[in-house]
């Protein structure tokens, strides 16, 4: 019996070391050396202070900022430690009521009969930092007016921050709300 157990234990220890220790350490080392910003969480620094990550949405509510998708992550939303969707079925009364309320709020705020889907629905993680170009276009007049900028100035900034599909084929165009709002602040800071 020992002749059968010994090779199994040796293989268990060997593969535990290889797949549980050596491989993760090697991949971490390669990632840190080739892609240090991404491996470190794609953190965004402003005035020497980390203010967020380009991978995680943040809440913006003021009219001079583009607003992100709604978030179901955590009790108050946008909680990176509670990344998840709402897990509500499409026919759930709570979800239908929330989307209907968000739709009315969106129409009242940005004055549009057509409401982009991503303006009233959460992403799977609840933390998607990107919104669609259609969502940006609906918010553009409000942001330009609140900042005292021309539509053309804000539109050119949006174009510069629009991420295109990879190789022109894979994915959808999107705009990272945090980086766009930071660029807006550099263009014309919000008066406090």
Protein backbone atom coordinates (compact mmCIF):
# COMPACT_ATOMS: atom_id res chain seq x y z
CA UNK A 1 0.00 0.00 0.00
CA UNK A 2 2.87 2.39 0.82
CA UNK A 3 4.19 1.88 -2.70
CA UNK A 4 0.97 3.39 -4.05
CA UNK A 5 0.59 6.20 -1.53
CA UNK A 6 4.19 7.48 -1.70
CA UNK A 7 4.13 8.42 -5.45
CA UNK A 8 0.71 10.04 -5.00
CA UNK A 9 1.97 12.18 -2.11
CA UNK A 10 5.15 13.11 -4.01
CA UNK A 11 3.07 14.18 -7.03
CA UNK A 12 0.67 16.09 -4.79
CA UNK A 13 3.52 18.06 -3.20
CA UNK A 14 5.26 18.57 -6.58
CA UNK A 15 2.17 19.90 -8.35
CA UNK A 16 1.17 21.99 -5.33
CA UNK A 17 4.57 23.70 -5.46
CA UNK A 18 4.52 24.12 -9.24
CA UNK A 19 0.91 25.25 -9.74
CA UNK A 20 0.27 26.82 -6.36
CA UNK A 21 3.55 28.64 -5.77
CA UNK A 22 6.03 28.74 -8.67
CA UNK A 23 3.56 29.50 -11.48
CA UNK A 24 1.73 32.32 -9.63
CA UNK A 25 5.05 33.89 -8.59
CA UNK A 26 6.38 33.68 -12.16
CA UNK A 27 3.21 35.24 -13.63
CA UNK A 28 3.23 37.98 -10.99
CA UNK A 29 6.88 38.75 -11.75
CA UNK A 30 6.29 38.83 -15.51
CA UNK A 31 3.18 41.00 -15.09
CA UNK A 32 4.97 43.43 -12.76
CA UNK A 33 7.94 43.78 -15.10
CA UNK A 34 6.09 44.00 -18.45
CA UNK A 35 2.89 45.75 -17.37
CA UNK A 36 3.61 47.51 -14.05
CA UNK A 37 0.67 49.98 -14.20
CA UNK A 38 -1.91 47.31 -15.06
CA UNK A 39 -0.48 44.78 -12.58
CA UNK A 40 -0.68 47.44 -9.88
CA UNK A 41 -4.41 47.98 -10.48
CA UNK A 42 -4.35 50.76 -13.12
CA UNK A 43 -4.38 53.34 -10.33
CA UNK A 44 -4.92 57.02 -11.11
CA UNK A 45 -2.96 59.59 -9.17
CA UNK A 46 -3.77 63.27 -8.81
CA UNK A 47 -1.60 65.70 -6.87
CA UNK A 48 0.39 62.78 -5.42
CA UNK A 49 -2.73 61.07 -4.09
CA UNK A 50 -4.40 57.95 -5.48
CA UNK A 51 -7.97 58.87 -6.36
CA UNK A 52 -9.13 55.65 -7.99
CA UNK A 53 -8.57 53.10 -10.69
CA UNK A 54 -9.38 53.38 -14.36
CA UNK A 55 -10.97 49.93 -14.01
CA UNK A 56 -13.55 50.83 -11.34
CA UNK A 57 -16.43 53.29 -11.65
CA UNK A 58 -16.96 56.09 -9.17
CA UNK A 59 -20.09 58.00 -8.32
CA UNK A 60 -20.49 61.45 -9.88
CA UNK A 61 -23.69 63.37 -9.21
CA UNK A 62 -22.92 67.03 -9.99
CA UNK A 63 -24.25 68.44 -13.30
CA UNK A 64 -20.78 69.48 -14.48
CA UNK A 65 -19.66 65.84 -14.63
CA UNK A 66 -20.58 62.96 -16.89
CA UNK A 67 -22.47 60.39 -14.86
CA UNK A 68 -21.54 56.69 -14.81
CA UNK A 69 -23.83 53.71 -15.08
CA UNK A 70 -25.88 52.94 -11.99
CA UNK A 71 -24.15 50.52 -9.61
CA UNK A 72 -25.48 47.55 -7.67
CA UNK A 73 -22.12 46.93 -5.97
CA UNK A 74 -22.58 47.31 -2.24
CA UNK A 75 -25.29 48.99 -0.22
CA UNK A 76 -24.70 52.47 -1.67
CA UNK A 77 -23.20 51.37 -5.00
CA UNK A 78 -19.68 51.73 -6.41
CA UNK A 79 -18.21 49.63 -3.58
CA UNK A 80 -15.21 47.76 -5.04
CA UNK A 81 -15.24 45.30 -2.14
CA UNK A 82 -18.78 44.19 -3.06
CA UNK A 83 -18.49 43.74 -6.80
CA UNK A 84 -21.62 42.10 -8.16
CA UNK A 85 -24.77 42.76 -10.06
CA UNK A 86 -28.14 43.01 -8.39
CA UNK A 87 -29.05 39.37 -9.13
CA UNK A 88 -32.61 40.52 -9.78
CA UNK A 89 -34.51 38.81 -12.58
CA UNK A 90 -35.58 41.01 -15.52
CA UNK A 91 -39.17 40.75 -14.30
CA UNK A 92 -38.41 41.49 -10.63
CA UNK A 93 -40.66 44.28 -9.37
CA UNK A 94 -37.79 46.04 -7.55
CA UNK A 95 -35.67 46.11 -10.71
CA UNK A 96 -38.52 47.29 -12.93
CA UNK A 97 -39.36 50.09 -10.47
CA UNK A 98 -35.71 51.18 -10.15
CA UNK A 99 -35.17 51.26 -13.93
CA UNK A 100 -38.45 53.15 -14.44
CA UNK A 101 -37.46 55.69 -11.77
CA UNK A 102 -33.96 56.07 -13.24
CA UNK A 103 -35.46 56.53 -16.70
CA UNK A 104 -37.71 59.36 -15.52
CA UNK A 105 -34.81 60.99 -13.64
CA UNK A 106 -32.62 60.73 -16.74
CA UNK A 107 -35.29 62.24 -18.98
CA UNK A 108 -35.80 65.12 -16.53
CA UNK A 109 -32.09 65.79 -16.13
CA UNK A 110 -30.84 65.40 -19.71
CA UNK A 111 -34.09 66.18 -21.54
CA UNK A 112 -34.20 63.26 -23.90
CA UNK A 113 -37.00 60.92 -24.84
CA UNK A 114 -34.50 58.25 -25.90
CA UNK A 115 -32.62 56.89 -22.90
CA UNK A 116 -29.51 54.78 -23.56
CA UNK A 117 -29.75 51.37 -21.92
CA UNK A 118 -26.49 51.80 -20.00
CA UNK A 119 -27.83 54.98 -18.38
CA UNK A 120 -30.39 53.02 -16.35
CA UNK A 121 -28.96 49.50 -16.06
CA UNK A 122 -26.05 48.23 -14.01
CA UNK A 123 -23.17 46.19 -15.40
CA UNK A 124 -22.53 42.60 -14.35
CA UNK A 125 -19.92 43.70 -11.80
CA UNK A 126 -21.73 46.89 -10.83
CA UNK A 127 -18.42 48.71 -11.32
CA UNK A 128 -18.02 49.16 -15.09
CA UNK A 129 -16.27 52.53 -15.56
CA UNK A 130 -17.36 52.89 -19.20
CA UNK A 131 -20.50 54.34 -20.72
CA UNK A 132 -21.62 54.23 -24.32
CA UNK A 133 -21.05 57.08 -26.79
CA UNK A 134 -24.86 57.47 -26.94
CA UNK A 135 -24.97 58.01 -23.17
CA UNK A 136 -22.15 60.56 -23.41
CA UNK A 137 -23.91 62.38 -26.29
CA UNK A 138 -27.11 62.76 -24.22
CA UNK A 139 -25.17 64.20 -21.27
CA UNK A 140 -22.93 66.48 -23.34
CA UNK A 141 -25.20 69.58 -23.44
CA UNK A 142 -25.69 69.52 -19.66
CA UNK A 143 -21.97 69.18 -18.94
CA UNK A 144 -20.97 71.87 -21.46
CA UNK A 145 -23.53 74.31 -20.05
CA UNK A 146 -22.63 73.61 -16.41
CA UNK A 147 -18.93 74.20 -17.16
CA UNK A 148 -19.41 77.19 -19.45
CA UNK A 149 -17.70 75.40 -22.34
CA UNK A 150 -18.72 75.07 -25.95
CA UNK A 151 -20.24 71.81 -27.13
CA UNK A 152 -17.38 71.50 -29.65
CA UNK A 153 -14.74 71.73 -26.91
CA UNK A 154 -16.40 69.05 -24.80
CA UNK A 155 -17.08 66.90 -27.87
CA UNK A 156 -13.41 66.98 -28.89
CA UNK A 157 -12.44 65.91 -25.36
CA UNK A 158 -14.98 63.08 -25.52
CA UNK A 159 -13.57 61.95 -28.89
CA UNK A 160 -10.06 61.88 -27.42
CA UNK A 161 -11.29 59.68 -24.54
CA UNK A 162 -13.45 57.29 -26.56
CA UNK A 163 -11.97 53.80 -26.56
CA UNK A 164 -12.51 52.00 -29.86
CA UNK A 165 -13.02 48.26 -30.42
CA UNK A 166 -9.80 46.25 -30.35
CA UNK A 167 -8.44 45.90 -33.91
CA UNK A 168 -11.62 47.67 -35.01
CA UNK A 169 -13.56 44.42 -34.51
CA UNK A 170 -13.77 43.19 -30.94
CA UNK A 171 -15.83 45.01 -28.35
CA UNK A 172 -17.92 48.14 -28.31
CA UNK A 173 -16.80 51.77 -28.22
CA UNK A 174 -16.89 53.19 -24.72
CA UNK A 175 -15.84 56.20 -22.68
CA UNK A 176 -14.19 55.89 -19.28
CA UNK A 177 -16.15 58.32 -17.08
CA UNK A 178 -13.42 58.86 -14.47
CA UNK A 179 -10.66 59.72 -16.95
CA UNK A 180 -13.06 61.91 -18.98
CA UNK A 181 -14.16 63.84 -15.89
CA UNK A 182 -10.53 64.30 -14.81
CA UNK A 183 -9.71 65.69 -18.28
CA UNK A 184 -12.69 68.06 -17.95
CA UNK A 185 -11.29 69.31 -14.64
CA UNK A 186 -7.93 69.97 -16.31
CA UNK A 187 -9.65 71.79 -19.17
CA UNK A 188 -11.78 73.97 -16.90
CA UNK A 189 -11.76 73.29 -13.16
CA UNK A 190 -15.06 73.37 -11.34
CA UNK A 191 -15.46 76.49 -9.22
CA UNK A 192 -16.07 75.56 -5.62
